[in-house]
Amino acid sequence: MAAGLVLGGAGCAASAAAAADTEAAQALLRANNCTKCHSVAADKDGPSFRRTARGLAGRPNAEEALLKHLTSGEPATFPDGHEEPHKVVRTVPANDLAQVRNLVRWILEQK
């Protein structure tokens, strides 16, 4: 997963107004087996959600960048240096960006 994001400036107000639904975000994490490679606080094969959030902190496009990363299959770099496509987050119904955006907001709140 890409390094974490947090919205800065005017984006912070928007982010605070649109707090993540934790239960829904965690259900989507479980459904997509995200914790195989990520955890909240400790790095695994992928960065922790906290590291991701801190790494993206202050970037005005953080939410959109992480959303793209989770929906496009762009490359993820592993600790040994190899790259492979990041798993695309699947939703029910299919391609529900609102669910993925909620997950992104939850990740960004983990700073």
Protein backbone atom coordinates (compact mmCIF):
# COMPACT_ATOMS: atom_id res chain seq x y z
CA MET A 1 0.00 0.00 0.00
CA ALA A 2 1.18 3.53 -0.61
CA ALA A 3 2.48 5.55 2.28
CA GLY A 4 -0.38 6.99 4.35
CA LEU A 5 -2.29 10.21 3.74
CA VAL A 6 -3.95 12.90 5.81
CA LEU A 7 -5.73 15.89 4.41
CA GLY A 8 -4.32 19.30 5.23
CA GLY A 9 -5.72 22.81 5.26
CA ALA A 10 -9.33 23.04 4.12
CA GLY A 11 -9.28 19.29 3.57
CA CYS A 12 -9.05 18.74 7.33
CA ALA A 13 -12.42 20.34 7.88
CA ALA A 14 -13.93 18.19 5.17
CA SER A 15 -12.29 15.09 6.60
CA ALA A 16 -13.56 15.81 10.11
CA ALA A 17 -17.07 16.32 8.77
CA ALA A 18 -16.89 13.00 6.93
CA ALA A 19 -15.55 10.72 9.66
CA ALA A 20 -15.30 7.09 8.69
CA ASP A 21 -17.81 4.43 9.67
CA THR A 22 -15.39 2.22 11.60
CA GLU A 23 -17.58 -0.88 11.63
CA ALA A 24 -18.13 -0.74 7.85
CA ALA A 25 -14.43 -0.07 7.18
CA GLN A 26 -13.34 -3.00 9.32
CA ALA A 27 -15.90 -5.28 7.65
CA LEU A 28 -14.47 -4.33 4.25
CA LEU A 29 -10.94 -4.97 5.58
CA ARG A 30 -11.98 -8.45 6.69
CA ALA A 31 -13.83 -9.21 3.45
CA ASN A 32 -10.74 -8.31 1.42
CA ASN A 33 -8.24 -9.99 3.77
CA CYS A 34 -6.30 -6.71 4.09
CA THR A 35 -4.83 -7.80 7.42
CA LYS A 36 -2.84 -10.50 5.63
CA CYS A 37 -0.37 -7.74 4.68
CA HIS A 38 -1.36 -4.78 6.92
CA SER A 39 -2.22 -4.08 10.55
CA VAL A 40 -3.13 -0.90 12.39
CA ALA A 41 0.16 -0.36 14.21
CA ALA A 42 2.83 -2.79 12.94
CA ASP A 43 4.30 -3.18 9.47
CA LYS A 44 3.91 -6.60 7.88
CA ASP A 45 4.44 -7.27 4.16
CA GLY A 46 2.71 -3.92 3.69
CA PRO A 47 2.92 -0.79 5.83
CA SER A 48 0.74 -0.40 8.89
CA PHE A 49 -2.34 1.74 8.47
CA ARG A 50 -0.80 4.15 10.98
CA ARG A 51 2.37 4.48 8.88
CA THR A 52 0.25 5.00 5.77
CA ALA A 53 -1.80 7.72 7.47
CA ARG A 54 1.28 9.49 8.85
CA GLY A 55 3.09 9.28 5.53
CA LEU A 56 0.22 10.95 3.71
CA ALA A 57 -0.46 13.51 6.44
CA GLY A 58 -0.82 17.04 5.14
CA ARG A 59 -1.10 16.08 1.48
CA PRO A 60 -4.11 17.77 -0.09
CA ASN A 61 -4.74 14.84 -2.45
CA ALA A 62 -4.23 12.11 0.16
CA GLU A 63 -7.74 10.67 0.04
CA GLU A 64 -7.82 10.53 -3.76
CA ALA A 65 -4.30 9.06 -3.99
CA LEU A 66 -5.09 6.26 -1.55
CA LEU A 67 -8.46 5.64 -3.21
CA LYS A 68 -6.66 5.23 -6.55
CA HIS A 69 -4.11 2.88 -4.99
CA LEU A 70 -6.84 0.64 -3.58
CA THR A 71 -8.92 0.55 -6.76
CA SER A 72 -6.38 0.45 -9.59
CA GLY A 73 -4.05 -2.45 -8.85
CA GLU A 74 -1.00 -0.20 -9.11
CA PRO A 75 2.26 -1.76 -7.92
CA ALA A 76 3.02 -2.24 -4.23
CA THR A 77 6.63 -2.61 -3.10
CA PHE A 78 7.34 -5.39 -0.60
CA PRO A 79 10.03 -5.40 2.13
CA ASP A 80 12.35 -7.51 -0.05
CA GLY A 81 12.09 -4.90 -2.81
CA HIS A 82 9.95 -6.83 -5.28
CA GLU A 83 6.79 -5.28 -6.65
CA GLU A 84 3.44 -6.77 -7.49
CA PRO A 85 0.03 -5.27 -8.16
CA HIS A 86 -1.83 -4.23 -5.02
CA LYS A 87 -5.03 -6.19 -4.61
CA VAL A 88 -8.05 -4.18 -5.78
CA VAL A 89 -10.58 -3.73 -2.97
CA ARG A 90 -13.79 -5.57 -3.86
CA THR A 91 -17.19 -4.40 -2.65
CA VAL A 92 -20.77 -5.67 -2.66
CA PRO A 93 -22.37 -4.27 -4.71
CA ALA A 94 -19.42 -4.25 -7.10
CA ASN A 95 -17.40 -1.06 -7.62
CA ASP A 96 -19.04 0.82 -4.74
CA LEU A 97 -16.59 3.70 -4.36
CA ALA A 98 -18.45 5.01 -1.31
CA GLN A 99 -17.44 1.86 0.60
CA VAL A 100 -13.82 2.16 -0.52
CA ARG A 101 -13.77 5.89 0.26
CA ASN A 102 -15.02 5.09 3.77
CA LEU A 103 -12.16 2.59 4.14
CA VAL A 104 -9.70 5.23 2.93
CA ARG A 105 -11.02 7.72 5.51
CA TRP A 106 -10.70 5.10 8.23
CA ILE A 107 -7.09 4.38 7.22
CA LEU A 108 -6.29 8.10 7.22
CA GLU A 109 -7.74 8.43 10.74
CA GLN A 110 -5.21 5.90 12.11
CA LYS A 111 -2.41 8.46 12.50
